[in-house]
C-alpha cells in the first residue's frame, strides 16, 4: 500500500471511528441515527484495513473530543424527541469549499453543525498544480492568466517526459530546483497579479482555504496523545462565542520560507498566515504536484482546545467498532 493510500485510509478510518463514538455518546441522551451511504462504507472499509493498534488510537483520539463537543453544543445532550443524524460528506464537497467530513444534524428543527476530522496532520487542503488544473478558477473564481500557463508549460513538458519513461521521483536529481521552484515562482507571481487586480481576492481565497461552512476541526495526534479542537465559526452558526475574530483583508507578503525551496508563506493582515508546501504525492513521476496547505498563524482570540487522551479507556468497545477487534493487548497548541 502506498503512503498516499495509508494517509487516506487513516483519515477516513478516523472519520468512521469518530462517527461511531459520537453515536454511542449521543444515544445516552437522545435518539440518534447514522446515515449509511457510500461515503460511510468507504470510511468503514478504510477502518477495516488498519491494525488493532490503530483502532485503539483512533478511538482514544475520538473520545477526547466528546466532552469538548458536549460543552460547546449542549443540544446534543438534551432529552428531546427529535432524532440526531450523523452523516459522512463525500470528498467532492471539499473541492468546492465545504471542508466538513461529518455533518451532525437535527432536521426537525433545521439545525446542523460540521466536523473536519484529521489524524496526525493539520492540513487545511491538499490542492494540486498541474499543466491543466486551473487553480485560480477553482480557488477564487478568477481563471489563471496566459502568462501563468506559458510559464509552467516547459516545466510540465519535462515532467511528462519523465513520466513516459516510468521514472521515480527518488531518482530525479535536482527535482526541487528544476521543478518545484519554477512552479512555486509561477504560482507566486499569479497570486500577486490577481491580488493587485481583484479587490475581493483575499476574501475569496480565505473562504476557499478555511471553508465557507462553519465547523469544528478535530485533530487527533498519536505521538502527543492529545486531541485538539479548533473552532471555525465565521458565519456564527456554531454555539460558541468566538468574539470578534478579524478575517484577513490584505495580502502583506508571499515568499519562500527561509532556507526552504519547497514552501511558500502567505502572510495577511490580522495575524493570519498560511504555508504552501509542494511535494510529489506518488512514488512514480506524475504530471501533478500536491500542496500541503497549513494554517500557521491566527489571531490571538482564535479558539483552540487541547484534550489529553484518557488511556484508561483504550479497551472500550463502541457500536460499529467491534467486528474487527482483535484480542485485547496490552498546554501546548497546534497554533
C-alpha atoms as a PDB file:
ATOM      1  CA  UNK A   1       0.000   0.000   0.000  1.00  0.00           C
ATOM      2  CA  UNK A   2       1.357   3.390  -0.941  1.00  0.00           C
ATOM      3  CA  UNK A   3       1.960   6.195   1.524  1.00  0.00           C
ATOM      4  CA  UNK A   4      -0.839   8.135  -0.168  1.00  0.00           C
ATOM      5  CA  UNK A   5      -3.328   5.326   0.446  1.00  0.00           C
ATOM      6  CA  UNK A   6      -2.069   4.882   4.005  1.00  0.00           C
ATOM      7  CA  UNK A   7      -2.771   8.542   4.706  1.00  0.00           C
ATOM      8  CA  UNK A   8      -6.182   8.458   3.041  1.00  0.00           C
ATOM      9  CA  UNK A   9      -7.188   5.300   4.904  1.00  0.00           C
ATOM     10  CA  UNK A  10      -6.004   6.730   8.213  1.00  0.00           C
ATOM     11  CA  UNK A  11      -8.103   9.863   7.758  1.00  0.00           C
ATOM     12  CA  UNK A  12     -11.201   8.017   6.625  1.00  0.00           C
ATOM     13  CA  UNK A  13     -10.825   5.478   9.427  1.00  0.00           C
ATOM     14  CA  UNK A  14     -10.735   8.334  11.936  1.00  0.00           C
ATOM     15  CA  UNK A  15     -13.935   9.741  10.433  1.00  0.00           C
ATOM     16  CA  UNK A  16     -15.585   6.317  10.799  1.00  0.00           C
ATOM     17  CA  UNK A  17     -14.370   5.948  14.385  1.00  0.00           C
ATOM     18  CA  UNK A  18     -15.426   9.460  15.342  1.00  0.00           C
ATOM     19  CA  UNK A  19     -18.890   8.906  13.895  1.00  0.00           C
ATOM     20  CA  UNK A  20     -19.414   5.768  15.982  1.00  0.00           C
ATOM     21  CA  UNK A  21     -18.012   7.287  19.157  1.00  0.00           C
ATOM     22  CA  UNK A  22     -20.390  10.207  18.582  1.00  0.00           C
ATOM     23  CA  UNK A  23     -23.258   7.764  18.087  1.00  0.00           C
ATOM     24  CA  UNK A  24     -22.593   5.870  21.304  1.00  0.00           C
ATOM     25  CA  UNK A  25     -22.081   9.102  23.256  1.00  0.00           C
ATOM     26  CA  UNK A  26     -25.192  10.901  21.972  1.00  0.00           C
ATOM     27  CA  UNK A  27     -27.544   7.919  22.316  1.00  0.00           C
ATOM     28  CA  UNK A  28     -27.122   8.066  26.092  1.00  0.00           C
ATOM     29  CA  UNK A  29     -29.218  11.241  25.952  1.00  0.00           C
ATOM     30  CA  UNK A  30     -31.430  11.194  22.860  1.00  0.00           C
ATOM     31  CA  UNK A  31     -32.313   9.363  19.647  1.00  0.00           C
ATOM     32  CA  UNK A  32     -29.508   9.240  17.109  1.00  0.00           C
ATOM     33  CA  UNK A  33     -29.050   7.528  13.767  1.00  0.00           C
ATOM     34  CA  UNK A  34     -26.189   7.020  11.303  1.00  0.00           C
ATOM     35  CA  UNK A  35     -26.723   7.592   7.589  1.00  0.00           C
ATOM     36  CA  UNK A  36     -25.136   4.545   5.952  1.00  0.00           C
ATOM     37  CA  UNK A  37     -24.400   5.767   2.422  1.00  0.00           C
ATOM     38  CA  UNK A  38     -21.482   5.216   0.021  1.00  0.00           C
ATOM     39  CA  UNK A  39     -19.238   7.652   1.895  1.00  0.00           C
ATOM     40  CA  UNK A  40     -19.955   5.839   5.146  1.00  0.00           C
ATOM     41  CA  UNK A  41     -18.955   2.460   3.684  1.00  0.00           C
ATOM     42  CA  UNK A  42     -15.816   3.939   2.120  1.00  0.00           C
ATOM     43  CA  UNK A  43     -14.792   5.047   5.611  1.00  0.00           C
ATOM     44  CA  UNK A  44     -15.760   1.652   7.022  1.00  0.00           C
ATOM     45  CA  UNK A  45     -13.524  -0.134   4.503  1.00  0.00           C
ATOM     46  CA  UNK A  46     -10.651   2.165   5.443  1.00  0.00           C
ATOM     47  CA  UNK A  47     -11.195   1.350   9.120  1.00  0.00           C
ATOM     48  CA  UNK A  48     -11.126  -2.407   8.486  1.00  0.00           C
ATOM     49  CA  UNK A  49      -7.804  -2.062   6.638  1.00  0.00           C
ATOM     50  CA  UNK A  50      -5.993  -0.824   9.750  1.00  0.00           C
ATOM     51  CA  UNK A  51      -4.484  -2.814  12.593  1.00  0.00           C
ATOM     52  CA  UNK A  52      -5.942  -3.202  16.063  1.00  0.00           C
ATOM     53  CA  UNK A  53      -3.272  -0.876  17.490  1.00  0.00           C
ATOM     54  CA  UNK A  54      -4.516   1.847  15.157  1.00  0.00           C
ATOM     55  CA  UNK A  55      -8.124   1.196  16.178  1.00  0.00           C
ATOM     56  CA  UNK A  56      -7.187   1.866  19.802  1.00  0.00           C
ATOM     57  CA  UNK A  57      -5.512   5.181  18.942  1.00  0.00           C
ATOM     58  CA  UNK A  58      -8.397   6.229  16.715  1.00  0.00           C
ATOM     59  CA  UNK A  59     -10.882   5.548  19.496  1.00  0.00           C
ATOM     60  CA  UNK A  60      -8.862   7.393  22.136  1.00  0.00           C
ATOM     61  CA  UNK A  61      -8.491  10.370  19.812  1.00  0.00           C
ATOM     62  CA  UNK A  62     -12.220  10.470  19.124  1.00  0.00           C
ATOM     63  CA  UNK A  63     -13.194  10.054  22.782  1.00  0.00           C
ATOM     64  CA  UNK A  64     -11.077  13.047  23.783  1.00  0.00           C
ATOM     65  CA  UNK A  65     -13.268  15.265  21.604  1.00  0.00           C
ATOM     66  CA  UNK A  66     -16.630  14.253  23.074  1.00  0.00           C
ATOM     67  CA  UNK A  67     -16.565  16.237  26.329  1.00  0.00           C
ATOM     68  CA  UNK A  68     -15.428  19.320  24.432  1.00  0.00           C
ATOM     69  CA  UNK A  69     -18.229  18.952  21.885  1.00  0.00           C
ATOM     70  CA  UNK A  70     -20.916  18.425  24.530  1.00  0.00           C
ATOM     71  CA  UNK A  71     -19.804  21.553  26.393  1.00  0.00           C
ATOM     72  CA  UNK A  72     -19.832  23.602  23.191  1.00  0.00           C
ATOM     73  CA  UNK A  73     -23.043  22.104  21.771  1.00  0.00           C
ATOM     74  CA  UNK A  74     -25.251  21.092  24.752  1.00  0.00           C
ATOM     75  CA  UNK A  75     -28.220  20.494  22.444  1.00  0.00           C
ATOM     76  CA  UNK A  76     -26.693  17.067  21.762  1.00  0.00           C
ATOM     77  CA  UNK A  77     -27.267  16.035  25.384  1.00  0.00           C
ATOM     78  CA  UNK A  78     -30.799  17.408  25.712  1.00  0.00           C
ATOM     79  CA  UNK A  79     -33.582  14.921  26.401  1.00  0.00           C
ATOM     80  CA  UNK A  80     -35.577  15.705  23.280  1.00  0.00           C
ATOM     81  CA  UNK A  81     -37.751  13.687  20.901  1.00  0.00           C
ATOM     82  CA  UNK A  82     -36.079  14.896  17.692  1.00  0.00           C
ATOM     83  CA  UNK A  83     -33.555  12.477  16.170  1.00  0.00           C
ATOM     84  CA  UNK A  84     -29.928  13.457  15.625  1.00  0.00           C
ATOM     85  CA  UNK A  85     -28.474  12.241  12.322  1.00  0.00           C
ATOM     86  CA  UNK A  86     -24.779  11.602  11.658  1.00  0.00           C
ATOM     87  CA  UNK A  87     -23.685  11.618   8.020  1.00  0.00           C
ATOM     88  CA  UNK A  88     -20.393  11.446   6.127  1.00  0.00           C
ATOM     89  CA  UNK A  89     -19.580  14.011   3.474  1.00  0.00           C
ATOM     90  CA  UNK A  90     -18.339  12.997   0.042  1.00  0.00           C
ATOM     91  CA  UNK A  91     -14.775  14.136  -0.729  1.00  0.00           C
ATOM     92  CA  UNK A  92     -16.047  16.178  -3.679  1.00  0.00           C
ATOM     93  CA  UNK A  93     -17.589  18.636  -1.206  1.00  0.00           C
ATOM     94  CA  UNK A  94     -14.125  19.737  -0.126  1.00  0.00           C
ATOM     95  CA  UNK A  95     -13.169  20.627  -3.674  1.00  0.00           C
ATOM     96  CA  UNK A  96     -15.893  23.270  -3.779  1.00  0.00           C
ATOM     97  CA  UNK A  97     -15.136  24.740  -0.361  1.00  0.00           C
ATOM     98  CA  UNK A  98     -17.100  22.638   2.141  1.00  0.00           C
ATOM     99  CA  UNK A  99     -14.347  21.018   4.227  1.00  0.00           C
ATOM    100  CA  UNK A 100     -16.646  19.225   6.684  1.00  0.00           C
ATOM    101  CA  UNK A 101     -16.171  15.451   6.891  1.00  0.00           C
ATOM    102  CA  UNK A 102     -19.078  14.712   9.239  1.00  0.00           C
ATOM    103  CA  UNK A 103     -22.377  16.575   9.471  1.00  0.00           C
ATOM    104  CA  UNK A 104     -24.437  16.323  12.668  1.00  0.00           C
ATOM    105  CA  UNK A 105     -27.997  17.430  12.021  1.00  0.00           C
ATOM    106  CA  UNK A 106     -31.460  17.614  13.565  1.00  0.00           C
ATOM    107  CA  UNK A 107     -33.684  18.140  10.505  1.00  0.00           C
ATOM    108  CA  UNK A 108     -36.867  18.638  12.535  1.00  0.00           C
ATOM    109  CA  UNK A 109     -35.531  21.916  13.909  1.00  0.00           C
ATOM    110  CA  UNK A 110     -33.335  22.842  10.921  1.00  0.00           C
ATOM    111  CA  UNK A 111     -30.141  22.528  12.970  1.00  0.00           C
ATOM    112  CA  UNK A 112     -26.733  21.250  11.917  1.00  0.00           C
ATOM    113  CA  UNK A 113     -23.029  21.502  12.669  1.00  0.00           C
ATOM    114  CA  UNK A 114     -20.000  20.090  10.892  1.00  0.00           C
ATOM    115  CA  UNK A 115     -16.737  18.419  11.828  1.00  0.00           C
ATOM    116  CA  UNK A 116     -13.467  18.297   9.916  1.00  0.00           C
ATOM    117  CA  UNK A 117     -11.554  15.254  11.189  1.00  0.00           C
ATOM    118  CA  UNK A 118      -7.772  14.943  10.859  1.00  0.00           C
ATOM    119  CA  UNK A 119      -5.365  12.330  12.155  1.00  0.00           C
ATOM    120  CA  UNK A 120      -1.677  13.163  12.689  1.00  0.00           C
ATOM    121  CA  UNK A 121      -1.732  16.243  10.476  1.00  0.00           C
ATOM    122  CA  UNK A 122      -3.462  19.600  10.444  1.00  0.00           C
ATOM    123  CA  UNK A 123      -3.501  20.452   6.729  1.00  0.00           C
ATOM    124  CA  UNK A 124      -6.388  22.568   5.540  1.00  0.00           C
ATOM    125  CA  UNK A 125      -6.122  21.443   1.932  1.00  0.00           C
ATOM    126  CA  UNK A 126      -4.182  19.118  -0.356  1.00  0.00           C
ATOM    127  CA  UNK A 127      -4.725  21.097  -3.543  1.00  0.00           C
ATOM    128  CA  UNK A 128      -2.790  20.327  -6.718  1.00  0.00           C
ATOM    129  CA  UNK A 129      -0.924  22.074  -9.506  1.00  0.00           C
ATOM    130  CA  UNK A 130      -0.777  20.523 -12.969  1.00  0.00           C
ATOM    131  CA  UNK A 131      -0.436  21.533 -16.610  1.00  0.00           C
ATOM    132  CA  UNK A 132      -4.238  21.666 -16.969  1.00  0.00           C
ATOM    133  CA  UNK A 133      -5.643  22.384 -13.480  1.00  0.00           C
ATOM    134  CA  UNK A 134      -6.836  25.990 -13.279  1.00  0.00           C
ATOM    135  CA  UNK A 135      -6.253  26.629  -9.576  1.00  0.00           C
ATOM    136  CA  UNK A 136      -7.325  30.268  -9.916  1.00  0.00           C
ATOM    137  CA  UNK A 137     -10.777  29.387 -11.173  1.00  0.00           C
ATOM    138  CA  UNK A 138     -11.129  26.594  -8.610  1.00  0.00           C
ATOM    139  CA  UNK A 139      -9.895  28.588  -5.618  1.00  0.00           C
ATOM    140  CA  UNK A 140     -11.123  32.146  -6.119  1.00  0.00           C
ATOM    141  CA  UNK A 141     -13.120  32.168  -9.379  1.00  0.00           C
ATOM    142  CA  UNK A 142     -10.520  34.004 -11.461  1.00  0.00           C
ATOM    143  CA  UNK A 143      -9.038  31.902 -14.300  1.00  0.00           C
ATOM    144  CA  UNK A 144      -5.262  31.684 -14.366  1.00  0.00           C
ATOM    145  CA  UNK A 145      -3.600  34.112 -16.766  1.00  0.00           C
ATOM    146  CA  UNK A 146      -1.955  33.120 -20.041  1.00  0.00           C
ATOM    147  CA  UNK A 147       1.338  34.259 -18.525  1.00  0.00           C
ATOM    148  CA  UNK A 148       0.949  31.581 -15.844  1.00  0.00           C
ATOM    149  CA  UNK A 149       0.178  28.842 -18.374  1.00  0.00           C
ATOM    150  CA  UNK A 150       3.148  29.874 -20.517  1.00  0.00           C
ATOM    151  CA  UNK A 151       5.450  29.825 -17.511  1.00  0.00           C
ATOM    152  CA  UNK A 152       4.518  26.348 -16.302  1.00  0.00           C
ATOM    153  CA  UNK A 153       4.305  24.760 -19.764  1.00  0.00           C
ATOM    154  CA  UNK A 154       8.001  23.918 -20.161  1.00  0.00           C
ATOM    155  CA  UNK A 155       8.202  22.579 -16.594  1.00  0.00           C
ATOM    156  CA  UNK A 156       5.368  20.130 -17.081  1.00  0.00           C
ATOM    157  CA  UNK A 157       6.675  19.089 -20.507  1.00  0.00           C
ATOM    158  CA  UNK A 158       9.856  17.909 -18.781  1.00  0.00           C
ATOM    159  CA  UNK A 159       7.819  16.130 -16.132  1.00  0.00           C
ATOM    160  CA  UNK A 160       5.727  14.464 -18.866  1.00  0.00           C
ATOM    161  CA  UNK A 161       8.873  13.044 -20.496  1.00  0.00           C
ATOM    162  CA  UNK A 162       9.995  11.599 -17.171  1.00  0.00           C
ATOM    163  CA  UNK A 163       6.569  10.070 -16.675  1.00  0.00           C
ATOM    164  CA  UNK A 164       6.668   8.449 -20.114  1.00  0.00           C
ATOM    165  CA  UNK A 165       9.985   6.856 -19.142  1.00  0.00           C
ATOM    166  CA  UNK A 166       8.380   5.495 -15.928  1.00  0.00           C
ATOM    167  CA  UNK A 167      10.867   7.351 -13.756  1.00  0.00           C
ATOM    168  CA  UNK A 168      10.602   7.504  -9.977  1.00  0.00           C
ATOM    169  CA  UNK A 169      10.936  10.789  -8.129  1.00  0.00           C
ATOM    170  CA  UNK A 170      13.671   9.450  -5.869  1.00  0.00           C
ATOM    171  CA  UNK A 171      15.940   9.052  -8.908  1.00  0.00           C
ATOM    172  CA  UNK A 172      15.429  12.595 -10.194  1.00  0.00           C
ATOM    173  CA  UNK A 173      18.363  14.862  -9.412  1.00  0.00           C
ATOM    174  CA  UNK A 174      17.647  18.486  -8.572  1.00  0.00           C
ATOM    175  CA  UNK A 175      13.891  17.962  -8.689  1.00  0.00           C
ATOM    176  CA  UNK A 176      13.381  20.868  -6.308  1.00  0.00           C
ATOM    177  CA  UNK A 177      15.484  23.269  -8.361  1.00  0.00           C
ATOM    178  CA  UNK A 178      14.217  22.091 -11.743  1.00  0.00           C
ATOM    179  CA  UNK A 179      10.548  21.623 -10.942  1.00  0.00           C
ATOM    180  CA  UNK A 180       9.396  22.777  -7.509  1.00  0.00           C
ATOM    181  CA  UNK A 181      10.997  26.220  -7.509  1.00  0.00           C
ATOM    182  CA  UNK A 182       9.856  27.241 -11.035  1.00  0.00           C
ATOM    183  CA  UNK A 183       6.296  26.112 -10.300  1.00  0.00           C
ATOM    184  CA  UNK A 184       6.213  27.917  -6.968  1.00  0.00           C
ATOM    185  CA  UNK A 185       7.556  31.082  -8.587  1.00  0.00           C
ATOM    186  CA  UNK A 186       4.861  30.913 -11.267  1.00  0.00           C
ATOM    187  CA  UNK A 187       2.238  30.338  -8.582  1.00  0.00           C
ATOM    188  CA  UNK A 188       3.607  33.238  -6.532  1.00  0.00           C
ATOM    189  CA  UNK A 189       3.539  35.644  -9.484  1.00  0.00           C
ATOM    190  CA  UNK A 190      -0.029  34.630 -10.324  1.00  0.00           C
ATOM    191  CA  UNK A 191      -1.167  35.238  -6.746  1.00  0.00           C
ATOM    192  CA  UNK A 192       0.457  38.690  -6.700  1.00  0.00           C
ATOM    193  CA  UNK A 193      -1.085  39.558 -10.079  1.00  0.00           C
ATOM    194  CA  UNK A 194      -4.624  38.625  -9.042  1.00  0.00           C
ATOM    195  CA  UNK A 195      -4.230  40.325  -5.660  1.00  0.00           C
ATOM    196  CA  UNK A 196      -3.326  43.569  -7.437  1.00  0.00           C
ATOM    197  CA  UNK A 197      -6.291  43.325  -9.821  1.00  0.00           C
ATOM    198  CA  UNK A 198      -9.148  41.884  -7.739  1.00  0.00           C
ATOM    199  CA  UNK A 199     -10.196  43.712  -4.571  1.00  0.00           C
ATOM    200  CA  UNK A 200     -12.144  40.649  -3.399  1.00  0.00           C
ATOM    201  CA  UNK A 201      -9.244  38.242  -3.890  1.00  0.00           C
ATOM    202  CA  UNK A 202      -8.244  37.905  -0.224  1.00  0.00           C
ATOM    203  CA  UNK A 203     -11.805  37.243   0.923  1.00  0.00           C
ATOM    204  CA  UNK A 204     -12.344  34.605  -1.771  1.00  0.00           C
ATOM    205  CA  UNK A 205      -9.020  32.869  -1.150  1.00  0.00           C
ATOM    206  CA  UNK A 206      -9.603  32.810   2.613  1.00  0.00           C
ATOM    207  CA  UNK A 207     -13.048  31.284   2.109  1.00  0.00           C
ATOM    208  CA  UNK A 208     -11.544  28.580  -0.082  1.00  0.00           C
ATOM    209  CA  UNK A 209      -8.750  27.744   2.359  1.00  0.00           C
ATOM    210  CA  UNK A 210     -10.833  27.793   5.545  1.00  0.00           C
ATOM    211  CA  UNK A 211     -14.127  26.626   4.052  1.00  0.00           C
ATOM    212  CA  UNK A 212     -17.381  28.500   3.614  1.00  0.00           C
ATOM    213  CA  UNK A 213     -19.306  26.428   6.181  1.00  0.00           C
ATOM    214  CA  UNK A 214     -18.669  26.685   9.935  1.00  0.00           C
ATOM    215  CA  UNK A 215     -17.199  23.626  11.635  1.00  0.00           C
ATOM    216  CA  UNK A 216     -15.137  22.161  14.446  1.00  0.00           C
ATOM    217  CA  UNK A 217     -11.753  20.898  13.301  1.00  0.00           C
ATOM    218  CA  UNK A 218     -10.709  17.823  15.285  1.00  0.00           C
ATOM    219  CA  UNK A 219      -7.004  16.956  15.211  1.00  0.00           C
ATOM    220  CA  UNK A 220      -6.064  13.598  16.730  1.00  0.00           C
ATOM    221  CA  UNK A 221      -2.309  13.426  17.358  1.00  0.00           C
ATOM    222  CA  UNK A 222      -0.956   9.967  18.225  1.00  0.00           C
ATOM    223  CA  UNK A 223       2.520  10.982  19.391  1.00  0.00           C
ATOM    224  CA  UNK A 224       1.206  13.654  21.747  1.00  0.00           C
ATOM    225  CA  UNK A 225      -1.741  11.504  22.886  1.00  0.00           C
ATOM    226  CA  UNK A 226      -3.862  14.625  22.562  1.00  0.00           C
ATOM    227  CA  UNK A 227      -6.829  15.780  20.543  1.00  0.00           C
ATOM    228  CA  UNK A 228      -7.138  19.420  19.531  1.00  0.00           C
ATOM    229  CA  UNK A 229     -10.397  21.164  18.706  1.00  0.00           C
ATOM    230  CA  UNK A 230     -10.268  24.328  16.615  1.00  0.00           C
ATOM    231  CA  UNK A 231     -13.371  26.475  16.138  1.00  0.00           C
ATOM    232  CA  UNK A 232     -14.111  27.940  12.707  1.00  0.00           C
ATOM    233  CA  UNK A 233     -17.272  29.980  13.251  1.00  0.00           C
ATOM    234  CA  UNK A 234     -17.057  32.921  10.876  1.00  0.00           C
ATOM    235  CA  UNK A 235     -20.746  32.656   9.926  1.00  0.00           C
ATOM    236  CA  UNK A 236     -21.864  32.406  13.553  1.00  0.00           C
ATOM    237  CA  UNK A 237     -23.744  29.109  13.165  1.00  0.00           C
ATOM    238  CA  UNK A 238     -21.942  27.237  15.966  1.00  0.00           C
ATOM    239  CA  UNK A 239     -22.955  27.581  19.612  1.00  0.00           C
ATOM    240  CA  UNK A 240     -19.669  29.246  20.522  1.00  0.00           C
ATOM    241  CA  UNK A 241     -18.982  32.868  21.351  1.00  0.00           C
ATOM    242  CA  UNK A 242     -15.856  33.344  19.276  1.00  0.00           C
ATOM    243  CA  UNK A 243     -15.888  37.089  19.774  1.00  0.00           C
ATOM    244  CA  UNK A 244     -14.754  39.358  17.006  1.00  0.00           C
ATOM    245  CA  UNK A 245     -12.065  37.335  15.245  1.00  0.00           C
ATOM    246  CA  UNK A 246     -10.952  39.526  12.344  1.00  0.00           C
ATOM    247  CA  UNK A 247     -10.579  37.867   8.965  1.00  0.00           C
ATOM    248  CA  UNK A 248      -7.780  38.885   6.608  1.00  0.00           C
ATOM    249  CA  UNK A 249      -8.343  41.828   4.298  1.00  0.00           C
ATOM    250  CA  UNK A 250      -4.869  42.373   2.798  1.00  0.00           C
ATOM    251  CA  UNK A 251      -2.116  40.149   1.444  1.00  0.00           C
ATOM    252  CA  UNK A 252       1.051  41.502   3.021  1.00  0.00           C
ATOM    253  CA  UNK A 253       3.645  39.124   1.634  1.00  0.00           C
ATOM    254  CA  UNK A 254       4.143  35.888  -0.265  1.00  0.00           C
ATOM    255  CA  UNK A 255       7.641  34.447  -0.359  1.00  0.00           C
ATOM    256  CA  UNK A 256       9.686  31.325   0.190  1.00  0.00           C
ATOM    257  CA  UNK A 257      10.132  30.073   3.712  1.00  0.00           C
ATOM    258  CA  UNK A 258      13.648  30.811   4.938  1.00  0.00           C
ATOM    259  CA  UNK A 259      16.159  28.156   3.830  1.00  0.00           C
ATOM    260  CA  UNK A 260      13.385  26.179   2.173  1.00  0.00           C
ATOM    261  CA  UNK A 261      12.729  25.827  -1.551  1.00  0.00           C
ATOM    262  CA  UNK A 262       9.557  23.744  -1.309  1.00  0.00           C
ATOM    263  CA  UNK A 263       7.379  26.045   0.807  1.00  0.00           C
ATOM    264  CA  UNK A 264       5.801  29.444   0.258  1.00  0.00           C
ATOM    265  CA  UNK A 265       4.492  31.509   3.167  1.00  0.00           C
ATOM    266  CA  UNK A 266       1.465  33.704   2.566  1.00  0.00           C
ATOM    267  CA  UNK A 267       1.099  36.436   5.200  1.00  0.00           C
ATOM    268  CA  UNK A 268      -2.033  38.548   5.650  1.00  0.00           C
ATOM    269  CA  UNK A 269      -3.112  41.305   7.991  1.00  0.00           C
ATOM    270  CA  UNK A 270      -4.813  40.498  11.309  1.00  0.00           C
ATOM    271  CA  UNK A 271      -2.101  37.893  12.030  1.00  0.00           C
ATOM    272  CA  UNK A 272      -3.212  35.266   9.501  1.00  0.00           C
ATOM    273  CA  UNK A 273      -0.503  33.201   7.838  1.00  0.00           C
ATOM    274  CA  UNK A 274      -0.604  30.073   5.671  1.00  0.00           C
ATOM    275  CA  UNK A 275       2.110  27.774   4.371  1.00  0.00           C
ATOM    276  CA  UNK A 276       2.036  26.101   0.951  1.00  0.00           C
ATOM    277  CA  UNK A 277       4.433  23.145   0.732  1.00  0.00           C
ATOM    278  CA  UNK A 278       4.688  21.496  -2.663  1.00  0.00           C
ATOM    279  CA  UNK A 279       5.653  17.836  -2.979  1.00  0.00           C
ATOM    280  CA  UNK A 280       5.180  14.728  -5.087  1.00  0.00           C
ATOM    281  CA  UNK A 281       2.481  12.526  -3.642  1.00  0.00           C
ATOM    282  CA  UNK A 282       3.343   9.374  -5.569  1.00  0.00           C
ATOM    283  CA  UNK A 283       6.418   7.200  -5.993  1.00  0.00           C
ATOM    284  CA  UNK A 284       6.406   7.411  -9.766  1.00  0.00           C
ATOM    285  CA  UNK A 285       6.688  10.708 -11.577  1.00  0.00           C
ATOM    286  CA  UNK A 286       3.245  12.104 -12.342  1.00  0.00           C
ATOM    287  CA  UNK A 287       2.131  15.288 -14.066  1.00  0.00           C
ATOM    288  CA  UNK A 288       0.624  16.883 -10.991  1.00  0.00           C
ATOM    289  CA  UNK A 289       2.149  18.011  -7.720  1.00  0.00           C
ATOM    290  CA  UNK A 290       0.371  18.414  -4.432  1.00  0.00           C
ATOM    291  CA  UNK A 291       0.272  21.234  -1.899  1.00  0.00           C
ATOM    292  CA  UNK A 292       0.078  20.719   1.841  1.00  0.00           C
ATOM    293  CA  UNK A 293      -1.646  23.935   2.896  1.00  0.00           C
ATOM    294  CA  UNK A 294      -1.500  24.701   6.612  1.00  0.00           C
ATOM    295  CA  UNK A 295      -2.676  27.481   8.882  1.00  0.00           C
ATOM    296  CA  UNK A 296       0.386  28.513  10.875  1.00  0.00           C
ATOM    297  CA  UNK A 297      -0.751  31.776  12.490  1.00  0.00           C
ATOM    298  CA  UNK A 298      -4.178  33.072  13.510  1.00  0.00           C
ATOM    299  CA  UNK A 299      -5.472  35.976  15.635  1.00  0.00           C
ATOM    300  CA  UNK A 300      -4.838  35.665  19.356  1.00  0.00           C
ATOM    301  CA  UNK A 301      -8.511  35.058  20.152  1.00  0.00           C
ATOM    302  CA  UNK A 302      -8.791  32.128  17.735  1.00  0.00           C
ATOM    303  CA  UNK A 303     -10.163  29.241  19.814  1.00  0.00           C
ATOM    304  CA  UNK A 304      -8.179  26.019  20.145  1.00  0.00           C
ATOM    305  CA  UNK A 305      -8.849  23.472  22.898  1.00  0.00           C
ATOM    306  CA  UNK A 306      -6.380  20.736  23.858  1.00  0.00           C
ATOM    307  CA  UNK A 307      -7.664  17.482  25.406  1.00  0.00           C
ATOM    308  CA  UNK A 308      -5.489  14.683  26.780  1.00  0.00           C
ATOM    309  CA  UNK A 309      -6.387  11.128  25.844  1.00  0.00           C
ATOM    310  CA  UNK A 310      -7.853   9.019  28.644  1.00  0.00           C
ATOM    311  CA  UNK A 311      -5.666   5.929  28.306  1.00  0.00           C
ATOM    312  CA  UNK A 312      -7.833   4.028  30.795  1.00  0.00           C
ATOM    313  CA  UNK A 313     -10.462   3.766  28.032  1.00  0.00           C
ATOM    314  CA  UNK A 314      -8.200   2.083  25.489  1.00  0.00           C
ATOM    315  CA  UNK A 315     -10.121  -1.208  25.627  1.00  0.00           C
ATOM    316  CA  UNK A 316     -13.653   0.162  25.468  1.00  0.00           C
ATOM    317  CA  UNK A 317     -15.824  -1.050  22.599  1.00  0.00           C
ATOM    318  CA  UNK A 318     -18.266   1.108  20.679  1.00  0.00           C
ATOM    319  CA  UNK A 319     -21.114   0.316  18.347  1.00  0.00           C
ATOM    320  CA  UNK A 320     -19.761  -0.434  14.876  1.00  0.00           C
ATOM    321  CA  UNK A 321     -16.188  -0.800  16.105  1.00  0.00           C
ATOM    322  CA  UNK A 322     -16.400  -4.374  17.393  1.00  0.00           C
ATOM    323  CA  UNK A 323     -16.392  -6.536  14.279  1.00  0.00           C
ATOM    324  CA  UNK A 324     -12.683  -6.396  13.545  1.00  0.00           C
ATOM    325  CA  UNK A 325     -11.430  -6.053  17.098  1.00  0.00           C
ATOM    326  CA  UNK A 326      -8.503  -8.351  17.771  1.00  0.00           C
ATOM    327  CA  UNK A 327      -7.866  -9.880  21.174  1.00  0.00           C
ATOM    328  CA  UNK A 328      -7.014  -7.153  23.712  1.00  0.00           C
ATOM    329  CA  UNK A 329      -3.341  -6.323  24.046  1.00  0.00           C
ATOM    330  CA  UNK A 330      -1.688  -4.580  26.252  1.00  0.00           C
ATOM    331  CA  UNK A 331      -0.852  23.127  27.250  1.00  0.00           C
ATOM    332  CA  UNK A 332       0.521  23.017  24.153  1.00  0.00           C
ATOM    333  CA  UNK A 333      -1.175  24.107  20.919  1.00  0.00           C
ATOM    334  CA  UNK A 334      -1.017  23.334  17.237  1.00  0.00           C
ATOM    335  CA  UNK A 335      -1.035  27.049  16.506  1.00  0.00           C
END
